[in-house]
């Protein structure tokens, strides 16, 4: 029996378009505070998966949620053209 396989990954594995552009890297850098805050929130939630939530855990989750909201607010209220490439509104 002959197996039919695709070779697309082999052909395009090292193509230039596979690398992130400078604009994409800038967007990631701009969103990095939000990403870090979301990671902290996820970490706080994961620690409570295997045990009941106590007052300290609840406070940690609440503070992490507030940091996520603040980071998202700061990102949304940033410079006018920061979110869209080319400065489009």
N, C-alpha and C. Protein backbone atom coordinates (compact mmCIF):
# COMPACT_ATOMS: atom_id res chain seq x y z
N UNK A 1 0.84 -1.16 0.00
CA UNK A 1 0.00 0.00 0.00
C UNK A 1 0.90 1.23 0.00
N UNK A 2 0.62 2.15 -0.88
CA UNK A 2 1.36 3.40 -0.95
C UNK A 2 0.60 4.49 -0.21
N UNK A 3 1.28 5.18 0.67
CA UNK A 3 0.67 6.27 1.40
C UNK A 3 0.86 7.57 0.64
N UNK A 4 -0.19 8.34 0.56
CA UNK A 4 -0.11 9.64 -0.09
C UNK A 4 0.10 10.67 1.01
N UNK A 5 1.18 11.41 0.92
CA UNK A 5 1.49 12.42 1.93
C UNK A 5 1.72 13.75 1.23
N UNK A 6 1.49 14.80 1.95
CA UNK A 6 1.74 16.13 1.41
C UNK A 6 3.16 16.55 1.74
N UNK A 7 3.77 17.27 0.84
CA UNK A 7 5.12 17.77 1.06
C UNK A 7 5.11 19.28 1.23
N UNK A 8 3.94 19.85 1.47
CA UNK A 8 3.83 21.30 1.57
C UNK A 8 4.69 21.85 2.71
N UNK A 9 4.70 21.19 3.86
CA UNK A 9 5.49 21.66 4.98
C UNK A 9 6.98 21.66 4.64
N UNK A 10 7.42 20.68 3.91
CA UNK A 10 8.82 20.60 3.55
C UNK A 10 9.18 21.73 2.59
N UNK A 11 8.29 22.04 1.66
CA UNK A 11 8.56 23.07 0.66
C UNK A 11 8.54 24.45 1.29
N UNK A 12 7.58 24.71 2.20
CA UNK A 12 7.41 26.06 2.73
C UNK A 12 8.01 26.25 4.12
N UNK A 13 8.72 25.28 4.62
CA UNK A 13 9.23 25.37 5.99
C UNK A 13 10.19 26.54 6.17
N UNK A 14 10.95 26.88 5.16
CA UNK A 14 11.94 27.93 5.30
C UNK A 14 11.64 29.13 4.41
N UNK A 15 10.39 29.32 4.08
CA UNK A 15 10.01 30.46 3.23
C UNK A 15 10.13 31.76 4.02
N UNK A 16 10.44 32.83 3.32
CA UNK A 16 10.62 34.13 3.97
C UNK A 16 9.35 34.64 4.64
N UNK A 17 8.20 34.33 4.09
CA UNK A 17 6.95 34.85 4.63
C UNK A 17 6.54 34.17 5.93
N UNK A 18 7.25 33.18 6.36
CA UNK A 18 6.92 32.49 7.61
C UNK A 18 7.40 33.28 8.83
N UNK A 19 8.33 34.20 8.67
CA UNK A 19 8.86 34.99 9.78
C UNK A 19 7.93 36.17 10.06
N UNK A 20 7.80 36.58 11.32
CA UNK A 20 6.96 37.74 11.62
C UNK A 20 7.61 39.02 11.08
N UNK A 21 6.75 39.92 10.63
CA UNK A 21 7.24 41.19 10.11
C UNK A 21 7.57 42.12 11.27
N UNK A 22 8.20 43.22 10.96
CA UNK A 22 8.51 44.21 11.99
C UNK A 22 7.24 44.77 12.61
N UNK A 23 6.21 44.97 11.80
CA UNK A 23 4.94 45.47 12.33
C UNK A 23 4.31 44.48 13.30
N UNK A 24 4.40 43.19 12.98
CA UNK A 24 3.85 42.18 13.88
C UNK A 24 4.64 42.12 15.19
N UNK A 25 5.95 42.23 15.11
CA UNK A 25 6.77 42.24 16.32
C UNK A 25 6.48 43.47 17.17
N UNK A 26 6.26 44.62 16.52
CA UNK A 26 5.91 45.84 17.25
C UNK A 26 4.56 45.69 17.93
N UNK A 27 3.60 45.05 17.27
CA UNK A 27 2.29 44.82 17.87
C UNK A 27 2.39 43.91 19.09
N UNK A 28 3.23 42.88 19.00
CA UNK A 28 3.43 41.98 20.13
C UNK A 28 4.06 42.74 21.30
N UNK A 29 5.04 43.58 20.99
CA UNK A 29 5.69 44.37 22.04
C UNK A 29 4.70 45.33 22.69
N UNK A 30 3.82 45.91 21.88
CA UNK A 30 2.82 46.84 22.41
C UNK A 30 1.83 46.11 23.32
N UNK A 31 1.51 44.86 23.00
CA UNK A 31 0.55 44.09 23.78
C UNK A 31 1.20 43.29 24.91
N UNK A 32 2.50 43.37 25.07
CA UNK A 32 3.18 42.54 26.07
C UNK A 32 2.73 42.81 27.51
N UNK A 33 2.38 44.04 27.93
CA UNK A 33 1.85 44.20 29.29
C UNK A 33 0.53 43.46 29.50
N UNK A 34 -0.31 43.44 28.47
CA UNK A 34 -1.59 42.71 28.58
C UNK A 34 -1.31 41.22 28.67
N UNK A 35 -0.39 40.74 27.86
CA UNK A 35 -0.05 39.32 27.86
C UNK A 35 0.51 38.91 29.21
N UNK A 36 1.39 39.72 29.78
CA UNK A 36 1.97 39.41 31.09
C UNK A 36 0.91 39.41 32.19
N UNK A 37 -0.02 40.37 32.13
CA UNK A 37 -1.09 40.42 33.13
C UNK A 37 -2.01 39.22 33.00
N UNK A 38 -2.31 38.80 31.77
CA UNK A 38 -3.15 37.62 31.57
C UNK A 38 -2.46 36.35 32.05
N UNK A 39 -1.16 36.27 31.90
CA UNK A 39 -0.41 35.12 32.40
C UNK A 39 -0.47 35.08 33.92
N UNK A 40 -0.34 36.24 34.56
CA UNK A 40 -0.46 36.30 36.03
C UNK A 40 -1.84 35.86 36.49
N UNK A 41 -2.87 36.29 35.78
CA UNK A 41 -4.24 35.88 36.13
C UNK A 41 -4.40 34.37 35.96
N UNK A 42 -3.91 33.84 34.87
CA UNK A 42 -4.01 32.40 34.64
C UNK A 42 -3.25 31.62 35.71
N UNK A 43 -2.10 32.11 36.10
CA UNK A 43 -1.32 31.47 37.17
C UNK A 43 -2.10 31.48 38.48
N UNK A 44 -2.75 32.60 38.79
CA UNK A 44 -3.54 32.68 40.02
C UNK A 44 -4.72 31.72 39.97
N UNK A 45 -5.34 31.57 38.81
CA UNK A 45 -6.47 30.65 38.68
C UNK A 45 -6.02 29.20 38.74
N UNK A 46 -4.88 28.90 38.16
CA UNK A 46 -4.38 27.52 38.16
C UNK A 46 -4.05 27.06 39.58
N UNK A 47 -3.53 27.97 40.40
CA UNK A 47 -3.17 27.56 41.76
C UNK A 47 -4.38 27.15 42.59
N UNK A 48 -5.55 27.58 42.20
CA UNK A 48 -6.75 27.25 42.97
C UNK A 48 -7.52 26.06 42.39
N UNK A 49 -6.98 25.40 41.39
CA UNK A 49 -7.71 24.29 40.77
C UNK A 49 -7.83 23.07 41.69
N UNK A 50 -6.81 22.81 42.46
CA UNK A 50 -6.81 21.57 43.24
C UNK A 50 -7.14 21.77 44.72
N UNK A 51 -7.63 22.95 45.07
CA UNK A 51 -7.98 23.20 46.48
C UNK A 51 -9.06 24.26 46.54
N UNK A 52 -9.75 24.33 47.64
CA UNK A 52 -10.78 25.37 47.77
C UNK A 52 -10.13 26.76 47.81
N UNK A 53 -10.85 27.73 47.27
CA UNK A 53 -10.33 29.10 47.23
C UNK A 53 -10.47 29.72 48.61
N UNK A 54 -9.36 30.20 49.15
CA UNK A 54 -9.41 30.89 50.43
C UNK A 54 -9.36 32.40 50.18
N UNK A 55 -9.33 33.18 51.24
CA UNK A 55 -9.38 34.63 51.11
C UNK A 55 -8.16 35.19 50.38
N UNK A 56 -7.01 34.63 50.65
CA UNK A 56 -5.78 35.10 50.00
C UNK A 56 -5.82 34.80 48.51
N UNK A 57 -6.28 33.60 48.15
CA UNK A 57 -6.40 33.24 46.73
C UNK A 57 -7.40 34.15 46.02
N UNK A 58 -8.52 34.41 46.66
CA UNK A 58 -9.53 35.28 46.05
C UNK A 58 -8.98 36.68 45.84
N UNK A 59 -8.21 37.17 46.80
CA UNK A 59 -7.60 38.49 46.66
C UNK A 59 -6.58 38.51 45.54
N UNK A 60 -5.80 37.43 45.43
CA UNK A 60 -4.79 37.35 44.36
C UNK A 60 -5.45 37.33 42.98
N UNK A 61 -6.54 36.57 42.84
CA UNK A 61 -7.26 36.52 41.56
C UNK A 61 -7.88 37.88 41.25
N UNK A 62 -8.48 38.51 42.26
CA UNK A 62 -9.11 39.82 42.05
C UNK A 62 -8.07 40.85 41.61
N UNK A 63 -6.93 40.86 42.25
CA UNK A 63 -5.88 41.81 41.88
C UNK A 63 -5.34 41.53 40.48
N UNK A 64 -5.21 40.26 40.15
CA UNK A 64 -4.74 39.90 38.81
C UNK A 64 -5.76 40.33 37.75
N UNK A 65 -7.06 40.15 38.02
CA UNK A 65 -8.09 40.62 37.09
C UNK A 65 -8.01 42.13 36.92
N UNK A 66 -7.80 42.85 38.02
CA UNK A 66 -7.69 44.31 37.94
C UNK A 66 -6.47 44.73 37.11
N UNK A 67 -5.36 43.98 37.23
CA UNK A 67 -4.19 44.30 36.42
C UNK A 67 -4.45 44.05 34.94
N UNK A 68 -5.20 42.99 34.63
CA UNK A 68 -5.55 42.71 33.23
C UNK A 68 -6.41 43.85 32.69
N UNK A 69 -7.42 44.24 33.45
CA UNK A 69 -8.29 45.33 33.00
C UNK A 69 -7.51 46.63 32.83
N UNK A 70 -6.60 46.92 33.74
CA UNK A 70 -5.80 48.15 33.63
C UNK A 70 -4.88 48.10 32.42
N UNK A 71 -4.28 46.95 32.16
CA UNK A 71 -3.40 46.81 31.00
C UNK A 71 -4.19 46.95 29.70
N UNK A 72 -5.38 46.35 29.65
CA UNK A 72 -6.22 46.49 28.45
C UNK A 72 -6.67 47.93 28.27
N UNK A 73 -7.01 48.61 29.37
CA UNK A 73 -7.41 50.02 29.29
C UNK A 73 -6.26 50.86 28.76
N UNK A 74 -5.06 50.64 29.30
CA UNK A 74 -3.90 51.40 28.85
C UNK A 74 -3.60 51.16 27.37
N UNK A 75 -3.77 49.92 26.93
CA UNK A 75 -3.56 49.61 25.53
C UNK A 75 -4.60 50.30 24.65
N UNK A 76 -5.85 50.28 25.08
CA UNK A 76 -6.92 50.90 24.30
C UNK A 76 -6.80 52.42 24.29
N UNK A 77 -6.30 53.01 25.37
CA UNK A 77 -6.17 54.46 25.46
C UNK A 77 -4.81 54.96 25.02
N UNK A 78 -4.03 54.10 24.41
CA UNK A 78 -2.69 54.48 23.98
C UNK A 78 -2.75 55.47 22.83
N UNK A 79 -1.63 55.69 22.18
CA UNK A 79 -1.59 56.62 21.04
C UNK A 79 -2.63 56.23 19.98
N UNK A 80 -3.13 57.24 19.27
CA UNK A 80 -4.25 57.04 18.35
C UNK A 80 -3.99 55.95 17.31
N UNK A 81 -2.82 55.90 16.74
CA UNK A 81 -2.55 54.93 15.68
C UNK A 81 -1.83 53.70 16.17
N UNK A 82 -1.77 53.49 17.47
CA UNK A 82 -0.96 52.39 17.99
C UNK A 82 -1.56 51.02 17.69
N UNK A 83 -2.89 50.92 17.62
CA UNK A 83 -3.50 49.61 17.44
C UNK A 83 -3.59 49.17 16.00
N UNK A 84 -3.70 50.11 15.07
CA UNK A 84 -3.86 49.74 13.66
C UNK A 84 -2.62 50.10 12.87
N UNK A 85 -2.19 49.21 11.98
CA UNK A 85 -1.01 49.53 11.17
C UNK A 85 -1.29 50.72 10.26
N UNK A 86 -0.32 51.56 10.11
CA UNK A 86 -0.48 52.72 9.22
C UNK A 86 -1.16 53.88 9.91
N UNK A 87 -1.51 53.74 11.17
CA UNK A 87 -2.16 54.83 11.89
C UNK A 87 -3.60 55.05 11.53
N UNK A 88 -4.24 54.08 10.90
CA UNK A 88 -5.65 54.23 10.51
C UNK A 88 -6.53 54.24 11.74
N UNK A 89 -7.57 55.02 11.69
CA UNK A 89 -8.47 55.11 12.86
C UNK A 89 -9.64 54.18 12.70
